[in-house]
Amino acid sequence: MASALLKDFARKVKDMEDNKILITLDDGTEVEYTVLETTVLGGCSYLLVTDAPEGEDGECFIWKEVSDPDDDEAVYEDPDDDEADAVMAIFQQMLEGEIDIEK
């Protein structure tokens, strides 16, 4: 089942142009983020994103995909603290030497 989730998640990420994703916030505001990395942990898909322009320092965020398989658009939420710590450790390993990530 995890491989089916990974394939579906990879398809959604692949559809983004230049690793950019446009998020519509609850208030209707649209914000563009750059996807730095993706992973699947425990059958859940996660994004590591930033709103900083390339080459500049900025904040990064971890989002957990909570979409239903039949949804036309992906839906993300913030993971809980323990979950975010576990996923951040994975992202730090994946990006070691490429990007400095500080908590």
Foldseek 3Di string as FASTA:
>chain_A
DLVVLVVLVVVQQVPDPQQKDWDQDPVRDIAIWHFPDWDADPSWIKTWIFRDPPPDDGDIAIWIWPDDSPDPDTDTDHDDPVVVVVVVVVVCVVCPPPDDDDD
